[in-house]
Amino acid sequence: MRSLETVTMTFATAALLAGCAGNAANPTASSPHARSMMLGTPIVEADISAWNIDVRGPDGQGLPPGSGNARAGKALFDAKCASCHGAAAAGGPMFGTMVGGIGSFKTDKRLLTPGSMYPYAPALFDYIRRAMPLTAPQSLSNDETYALTAYLLHLNGLSGEDAEMNATSLAAIRMPNRDGFIVDDRPDTNAVRCMQDCRPLRTSVPAP
């Protein structure tokens, strides 16, 4: 004869399994967290627009509306950037100079600055908007970012002090080191993203 303790445990186990089965049939019935996540809701472009801020270098695709010039950029730089980058971007307590060095990549004493290294001017806008200022990244408006970009380009002798930088004019600037890069032609750069009936990850590829 089974003890009362054994019988009680049997009924408790059965009740637990019944509860699990019920939840499996209707996973949201007892999960407020799952209901709040709205699992399965399609996502639309507006939902990701705040994160979709990449800018394409060669033609500036993705540059937003707005404009700014170096005069406005200097005031912004002095207020928000000089404490790390130094006056006139000549180097400060945290970062080195962002001015000069054009042509130095062809020597054994390269100086890395936006003017000497960047192949496309829109890349400078993209970086400032994403990462600066260090203490509050992505806090700058489009106009402020254009103005700071114009200021740094002006300091490097690549645009005038009053030149208005916007999506069109910024993409039109030819950077000195544009031809200083090689094309990445490794096979995986031509890979096409699989969107349907994809092979599971980590599966072996049959030998040819």
C-alpha atoms as a PDB file:
ATOM      1  CA  MET A   1       0.000   0.000   0.000  1.00  0.00           C
ATOM      2  CA  ARG A   2       1.387   3.420  -1.007  1.00  0.00           C
ATOM      3  CA  SER A   3       1.865   5.980   1.720  1.00  0.00           C
ATOM      4  CA  LEU A   4      -0.208   9.154   1.932  1.00  0.00           C
ATOM      5  CA  GLU A   5       2.922  11.133   1.058  1.00  0.00           C
ATOM      6  CA  THR A   6       3.337   9.212  -2.199  1.00  0.00           C
ATOM      7  CA  VAL A   7      -0.330   9.713  -3.169  1.00  0.00           C
ATOM      8  CA  THR A   8      -0.123  13.437  -2.424  1.00  0.00           C
ATOM      9  CA  MET A   9       3.018  13.781  -4.588  1.00  0.00           C
ATOM     10  CA  THR A  10       1.326  11.935  -7.443  1.00  0.00           C
ATOM     11  CA  PHE A  11      -1.657  14.306  -7.454  1.00  0.00           C
ATOM     12  CA  ALA A  12       0.642  17.350  -7.272  1.00  0.00           C
ATOM     13  CA  THR A  13       2.688  16.130 -10.231  1.00  0.00           C
ATOM     14  CA  ALA A  14      -0.456  15.483 -12.270  1.00  0.00           C
ATOM     15  CA  ALA A  15      -1.758  18.967 -11.543  1.00  0.00           C
ATOM     16  CA  LEU A  16       1.552  20.516 -12.560  1.00  0.00           C
ATOM     17  CA  LEU A  17       1.643  18.611 -15.845  1.00  0.00           C
ATOM     18  CA  ALA A  18      -1.937  19.620 -16.604  1.00  0.00           C
ATOM     19  CA  GLY A  19      -1.038  23.263 -16.047  1.00  0.00           C
ATOM     20  CA  CYS A  20       1.971  23.002 -18.362  1.00  0.00           C
ATOM     21  CA  ALA A  21      -0.145  21.381 -21.060  1.00  0.00           C
ATOM     22  CA  GLY A  22      -2.678  24.172 -20.819  1.00  0.00           C
ATOM     23  CA  ASN A  23       0.002  26.833 -21.146  1.00  0.00           C
ATOM     24  CA  ALA A  24       1.532  25.066 -24.135  1.00  0.00           C
ATOM     25  CA  ALA A  25      -1.816  25.122 -25.918  1.00  0.00           C
ATOM     26  CA  ASN A  26      -2.304  28.815 -25.149  1.00  0.00           C
ATOM     27  CA  PRO A  27       1.083  30.363 -24.291  1.00  0.00           C
ATOM     28  CA  THR A  28      -0.261  33.881 -23.822  1.00  0.00           C
ATOM     29  CA  ALA A  29      -3.113  32.871 -21.543  1.00  0.00           C
ATOM     30  CA  SER A  30      -0.994  33.118 -18.392  1.00  0.00           C
ATOM     31  CA  SER A  31       1.873  35.296 -19.639  1.00  0.00           C
ATOM     32  CA  PRO A  32       1.240  39.044 -19.448  1.00  0.00           C
ATOM     33  CA  HIS A  33       4.828  39.582 -20.570  1.00  0.00           C
ATOM     34  CA  ALA A  34       4.241  37.652 -23.792  1.00  0.00           C
ATOM     35  CA  ARG A  35       1.027  39.583 -24.458  1.00  0.00           C
ATOM     36  CA  SER A  36       2.768  42.922 -23.871  1.00  0.00           C
ATOM     37  CA  MET A  37       5.455  42.052 -26.423  1.00  0.00           C
ATOM     38  CA  MET A  38       2.800  41.649 -29.155  1.00  0.00           C
ATOM     39  CA  LEU A  39       4.628  38.664 -30.564  1.00  0.00           C
ATOM     40  CA  GLY A  40       4.192  38.303 -34.308  1.00  0.00           C
ATOM     41  CA  THR A  41       3.313  41.945 -34.984  1.00  0.00           C
ATOM     42  CA  PRO A  42       4.786  43.019 -38.353  1.00  0.00           C
ATOM     43  CA  ILE A  43       7.345  45.816 -38.212  1.00  0.00           C
ATOM     44  CA  VAL A  44       7.142  48.744 -40.600  1.00  0.00           C
ATOM     45  CA  GLU A  45       9.737  51.233 -41.842  1.00  0.00           C
ATOM     46  CA  ALA A  46       8.568  53.909 -39.412  1.00  0.00           C
ATOM     47  CA  ASP A  47       9.405  51.592 -36.508  1.00  0.00           C
ATOM     48  CA  ILE A  48      13.086  51.413 -37.451  1.00  0.00           C
ATOM     49  CA  SER A  49      13.600  54.880 -38.922  1.00  0.00           C
ATOM     50  CA  ALA A  50      15.263  56.148 -35.746  1.00  0.00           C
ATOM     51  CA  TRP A  51      18.002  53.518 -36.101  1.00  0.00           C
ATOM     52  CA  ASN A  52      18.287  53.646 -39.887  1.00  0.00           C
ATOM     53  CA  ILE A  53      20.762  56.542 -40.040  1.00  0.00           C
ATOM     54  CA  ASP A  54      23.591  55.103 -42.115  1.00  0.00           C
ATOM     55  CA  VAL A  55      25.032  57.295 -44.864  1.00  0.00           C
ATOM     56  CA  ARG A  56      26.564  55.865 -48.033  1.00  0.00           C
ATOM     57  CA  GLY A  57      29.960  57.376 -48.713  1.00  0.00           C
ATOM     58  CA  PRO A  58      30.372  57.581 -52.488  1.00  0.00           C
ATOM     59  CA  ASP A  59      27.137  59.459 -53.222  1.00  0.00           C
ATOM     60  CA  GLY A  60      25.895  60.538 -49.792  1.00  0.00           C
ATOM     61  CA  GLN A  61      22.705  58.497 -49.947  1.00  0.00           C
ATOM     62  CA  GLY A  62      21.039  58.735 -46.555  1.00  0.00           C
ATOM     63  CA  LEU A  63      22.175  62.266 -45.775  1.00  0.00           C
ATOM     64  CA  PRO A  64      19.240  64.039 -44.116  1.00  0.00           C
ATOM     65  CA  PRO A  65      17.757  67.470 -44.815  1.00  0.00           C
ATOM     66  CA  GLY A  66      19.514  70.411 -43.208  1.00  0.00           C
ATOM     67  CA  SER A  67      22.564  72.604 -43.738  1.00  0.00           C
ATOM     68  CA  GLY A  68      25.353  74.450 -41.980  1.00  0.00           C
ATOM     69  CA  ASN A  69      28.585  76.333 -42.609  1.00  0.00           C
ATOM     70  CA  ALA A  70      31.993  76.581 -40.975  1.00  0.00           C
ATOM     71  CA  ARG A  71      31.230  79.828 -39.157  1.00  0.00           C
ATOM     72  CA  ALA A  72      28.376  78.194 -37.263  1.00  0.00           C
ATOM     73  CA  GLY A  73      30.468  75.057 -36.891  1.00  0.00           C
ATOM     74  CA  LYS A  74      33.286  76.891 -35.109  1.00  0.00           C
ATOM     75  CA  ALA A  75      30.958  78.134 -32.367  1.00  0.00           C
ATOM     76  CA  LEU A  76      29.573  74.637 -31.909  1.00  0.00           C
ATOM     77  CA  PHE A  77      33.030  73.100 -31.900  1.00  0.00           C
ATOM     78  CA  ASP A  78      34.304  75.519 -29.265  1.00  0.00           C
ATOM     79  CA  ALA A  79      31.306  74.747 -27.052  1.00  0.00           C
ATOM     80  CA  LYS A  80      30.959  70.986 -27.493  1.00  0.00           C
ATOM     81  CA  CYS A  81      34.157  69.559 -28.960  1.00  0.00           C
ATOM     82  CA  ALA A  82      37.236  71.589 -28.057  1.00  0.00           C
ATOM     83  CA  SER A  83      37.456  70.183 -24.530  1.00  0.00           C
ATOM     84  CA  CYS A  84      38.506  66.833 -26.046  1.00  0.00           C
ATOM     85  CA  HIS A  85      39.874  67.803 -29.477  1.00  0.00           C
ATOM     86  CA  GLY A  86      41.577  71.100 -28.622  1.00  0.00           C
ATOM     87  CA  ALA A  87      41.096  74.552 -30.115  1.00  0.00           C
ATOM     88  CA  ALA A  88      40.676  74.503 -33.896  1.00  0.00           C
ATOM     89  CA  ALA A  89      40.812  70.677 -33.721  1.00  0.00           C
ATOM     90  CA  ALA A  90      44.583  70.823 -33.316  1.00  0.00           C
ATOM     91  CA  GLY A  91      44.589  68.154 -30.614  1.00  0.00           C
ATOM     92  CA  GLY A  92      43.470  68.053 -27.020  1.00  0.00           C
ATOM     93  CA  PRO A  93      43.672  66.021 -23.834  1.00  0.00           C
ATOM     94  CA  MET A  94      41.831  63.034 -25.292  1.00  0.00           C
ATOM     95  CA  PHE A  95      42.395  63.072 -29.063  1.00  0.00           C
ATOM     96  CA  GLY A  96      45.077  64.125 -31.504  1.00  0.00           C
ATOM     97  CA  THR A  97      44.794  66.633 -34.296  1.00  0.00           C
ATOM     98  CA  MET A  98      42.082  66.402 -36.909  1.00  0.00           C
ATOM     99  CA  VAL A  99      43.800  68.847 -39.225  1.00  0.00           C
ATOM    100  CA  GLY A 100      46.554  68.415 -41.799  1.00  0.00           C
ATOM    101  CA  GLY A 101      48.412  65.365 -43.012  1.00  0.00           C
ATOM    102  CA  ILE A 102      47.021  65.511 -46.537  1.00  0.00           C
ATOM    103  CA  GLY A 103      49.305  63.446 -48.744  1.00  0.00           C
ATOM    104  CA  SER A 104      51.032  61.824 -45.767  1.00  0.00           C
ATOM    105  CA  PHE A 105      49.536  58.417 -46.523  1.00  0.00           C
ATOM    106  CA  LYS A 106      52.044  58.133 -49.342  1.00  0.00           C
ATOM    107  CA  THR A 107      54.918  58.532 -46.885  1.00  0.00           C
ATOM    108  CA  ASP A 108      56.259  56.574 -43.921  1.00  0.00           C
ATOM    109  CA  LYS A 109      54.947  59.224 -41.503  1.00  0.00           C
ATOM    110  CA  ARG A 110      51.218  59.094 -41.952  1.00  0.00           C
ATOM    111  CA  LEU A 111      49.054  61.583 -40.067  1.00  0.00           C
ATOM    112  CA  LEU A 112      45.518  60.353 -39.606  1.00  0.00           C
ATOM    113  CA  THR A 113      42.927  63.117 -39.974  1.00  0.00           C
ATOM    114  CA  PRO A 114      39.580  63.367 -41.788  1.00  0.00           C
ATOM    115  CA  GLY A 115      41.303  65.340 -44.546  1.00  0.00           C
ATOM    116  CA  SER A 116      44.162  62.921 -45.016  1.00  0.00           C
ATOM    117  CA  MET A 117      42.327  59.614 -44.683  1.00  0.00           C
ATOM    118  CA  TYR A 118      38.585  59.771 -45.412  1.00  0.00           C
ATOM    119  CA  PRO A 119      37.769  58.821 -49.010  1.00  0.00           C
ATOM    120  CA  TYR A 120      34.341  60.513 -48.979  1.00  0.00           C
ATOM    121  CA  ALA A 121      33.135  63.643 -47.179  1.00  0.00           C
ATOM    122  CA  PRO A 122      29.745  62.148 -46.160  1.00  0.00           C
ATOM    123  CA  ALA A 123      31.658  59.654 -43.977  1.00  0.00           C
ATOM    124  CA  LEU A 124      32.667  62.555 -41.724  1.00  0.00           C
ATOM    125  CA  PHE A 125      29.040  63.614 -41.267  1.00  0.00           C
ATOM    126  CA  ASP A 126      28.044  60.008 -40.576  1.00  0.00           C
ATOM    127  CA  TYR A 127      30.665  59.573 -37.863  1.00  0.00           C
ATOM    128  CA  ILE A 128      29.929  62.875 -36.121  1.00  0.00           C
ATOM    129  CA  ARG A 129      26.194  62.185 -36.065  1.00  0.00           C
ATOM    130  CA  ARG A 130      26.630  58.652 -34.710  1.00  0.00           C
ATOM    131  CA  ALA A 131      29.344  59.134 -32.115  1.00  0.00           C
ATOM    132  CA  MET A 132      29.805  62.766 -31.094  1.00  0.00           C
ATOM    133  CA  PRO A 133      30.006  64.389 -28.669  1.00  0.00           C
ATOM    134  CA  LEU A 134      31.487  61.532 -26.691  1.00  0.00           C
ATOM    135  CA  THR A 135      29.345  62.272 -23.643  1.00  0.00           C
ATOM    136  CA  ALA A 136      26.070  62.532 -25.600  1.00  0.00           C
ATOM    137  CA  PRO A 137      26.247  60.704 -28.942  1.00  0.00           C
ATOM    138  CA  GLN A 138      23.411  61.318 -31.428  1.00  0.00           C
ATOM    139  CA  SER A 139      22.344  64.455 -29.563  1.00  0.00           C
ATOM    140  CA  LEU A 140      23.311  66.842 -32.377  1.00  0.00           C
ATOM    141  CA  SER A 141      20.708  68.132 -34.805  1.00  0.00           C
ATOM    142  CA  ASN A 142      21.185  67.695 -38.553  1.00  0.00           C
ATOM    143  CA  ASP A 143      22.052  71.399 -38.928  1.00  0.00           C
ATOM    144  CA  GLU A 144      24.618  71.167 -36.134  1.00  0.00           C
ATOM    145  CA  THR A 145      26.197  68.098 -37.679  1.00  0.00           C
ATOM    146  CA  TYR A 146      26.421  69.775 -41.086  1.00  0.00           C
ATOM    147  CA  ALA A 147      27.996  72.845 -39.475  1.00  0.00           C
ATOM    148  CA  LEU A 148      30.626  70.805 -37.603  1.00  0.00           C
ATOM    149  CA  THR A 149      31.387  68.840 -40.756  1.00  0.00           C
ATOM    150  CA  ALA A 150      31.801  72.094 -42.687  1.00  0.00           C
ATOM    151  CA  TYR A 151      34.134  73.466 -39.997  1.00  0.00           C
ATOM    152  CA  LEU A 152      36.434  70.427 -40.038  1.00  0.00           C
ATOM    153  CA  LEU A 153      36.507  70.401 -43.831  1.00  0.00           C
ATOM    154  CA  HIS A 154      37.354  74.120 -43.783  1.00  0.00           C
ATOM    155  CA  LEU A 155      40.182  73.598 -41.282  1.00  0.00           C
ATOM    156  CA  ASN A 156      41.599  71.011 -43.664  1.00  0.00           C
ATOM    157  CA  GLY A 157      41.409  73.452 -46.574  1.00  0.00           C
ATOM    158  CA  LEU A 158      38.682  71.509 -48.364  1.00  0.00           C
ATOM    159  CA  SER A 159      35.862  74.074 -48.273  1.00  0.00           C
ATOM    160  CA  GLY A 160      35.334  77.780 -47.715  1.00  0.00           C
ATOM    161  CA  GLU A 161      34.343  79.354 -44.431  1.00  0.00           C
ATOM    162  CA  ASP A 162      30.951  80.381 -45.756  1.00  0.00           C
ATOM    163  CA  ALA A 163      30.340  77.332 -47.943  1.00  0.00           C
ATOM    164  CA  GLU A 164      26.969  75.821 -47.139  1.00  0.00           C
ATOM    165  CA  MET A 165      27.115  72.102 -46.479  1.00  0.00           C
ATOM    166  CA  ASN A 166      24.024  70.058 -47.217  1.00  0.00           C
ATOM    167  CA  ALA A 167      23.242  66.663 -48.719  1.00  0.00           C
ATOM    168  CA  THR A 168      24.127  67.818 -52.236  1.00  0.00           C
ATOM    169  CA  SER A 169      27.196  69.968 -51.624  1.00  0.00           C
ATOM    170  CA  LEU A 170      28.768  67.568 -49.115  1.00  0.00           C
ATOM    171  CA  ALA A 171      28.554  64.615 -51.478  1.00  0.00           C
ATOM    172  CA  ALA A 172      30.126  66.728 -54.232  1.00  0.00           C
ATOM    173  CA  ILE A 173      33.379  67.345 -52.326  1.00  0.00           C
ATOM    174  CA  ARG A 174      36.276  65.309 -53.641  1.00  0.00           C
ATOM    175  CA  MET A 175      38.459  64.161 -50.772  1.00  0.00           C
ATOM    176  CA  PRO A 176      42.243  64.035 -51.349  1.00  0.00           C
ATOM    177  CA  ASN A 177      42.541  60.362 -50.435  1.00  0.00           C
ATOM    178  CA  ARG A 178      39.592  59.110 -52.462  1.00  0.00           C
ATOM    179  CA  ASP A 179      41.814  56.940 -54.647  1.00  0.00           C
ATOM    180  CA  GLY A 180      43.936  55.695 -51.764  1.00  0.00           C
ATOM    181  CA  PHE A 181      41.833  52.577 -51.135  1.00  0.00           C
ATOM    182  CA  ILE A 182      41.521  49.225 -52.880  1.00  0.00           C
ATOM    183  CA  VAL A 183      38.311  47.379 -53.633  1.00  0.00           C
ATOM    184  CA  ASP A 184      37.523  44.482 -51.312  1.00  0.00           C
ATOM    185  CA  ASP A 185      36.979  41.696 -53.843  1.00  0.00           C
ATOM    186  CA  ARG A 186      36.996  38.720 -51.465  1.00  0.00           C
ATOM    187  CA  PRO A 187      34.332  36.141 -52.479  1.00  0.00           C
ATOM    188  CA  ASP A 188      32.107  36.724 -49.456  1.00  0.00           C
ATOM    189  CA  THR A 189      31.624  40.385 -50.394  1.00  0.00           C
ATOM    190  CA  ASN A 190      29.442  39.174 -53.269  1.00  0.00           C
ATOM    191  CA  ALA A 191      27.265  36.996 -51.037  1.00  0.00           C
ATOM    192  CA  VAL A 192      23.513  37.496 -51.357  1.00  0.00           C
ATOM    193  CA  ARG A 193      21.430  37.522 -48.199  1.00  0.00           C
ATOM    194  CA  CYS A 194      19.083  34.549 -47.982  1.00  0.00           C
ATOM    195  CA  MET A 195      15.503  35.559 -47.229  1.00  0.00           C
ATOM    196  CA  GLN A 196      13.568  32.339 -47.897  1.00  0.00           C
ATOM    197  CA  ASP A 197      14.172  28.567 -47.553  1.00  0.00           C
ATOM    198  CA  CYS A 198      17.597  29.300 -46.070  1.00  0.00           C
ATOM    199  CA  ARG A 199      20.013  26.590 -45.035  1.00  0.00           C
ATOM    200  CA  PRO A 200      20.306  26.406 -41.226  1.00  0.00           C
ATOM    201  CA  LEU A 201      23.401  27.943 -39.741  1.00  0.00           C
ATOM    202  CA  ARG A 202      26.443  25.738 -39.149  1.00  0.00           C
ATOM    203  CA  THR A 203      25.395  23.147 -41.704  1.00  0.00           C
ATOM    204  CA  SER A 204      28.096  21.783 -43.936  1.00  0.00           C
ATOM    205  CA  VAL A 205      28.225  22.657 -47.590  1.00  0.00           C
ATOM    206  CA  PRO A 206      28.451  19.640 -49.926  1.00  0.00           C
ATOM    207  CA  ALA A 207      31.783  19.376 -51.681  1.00  0.00           C
ATOM    208  CA  PRO A 208      31.618  20.317 -55.381  1.00  0.00           C
END
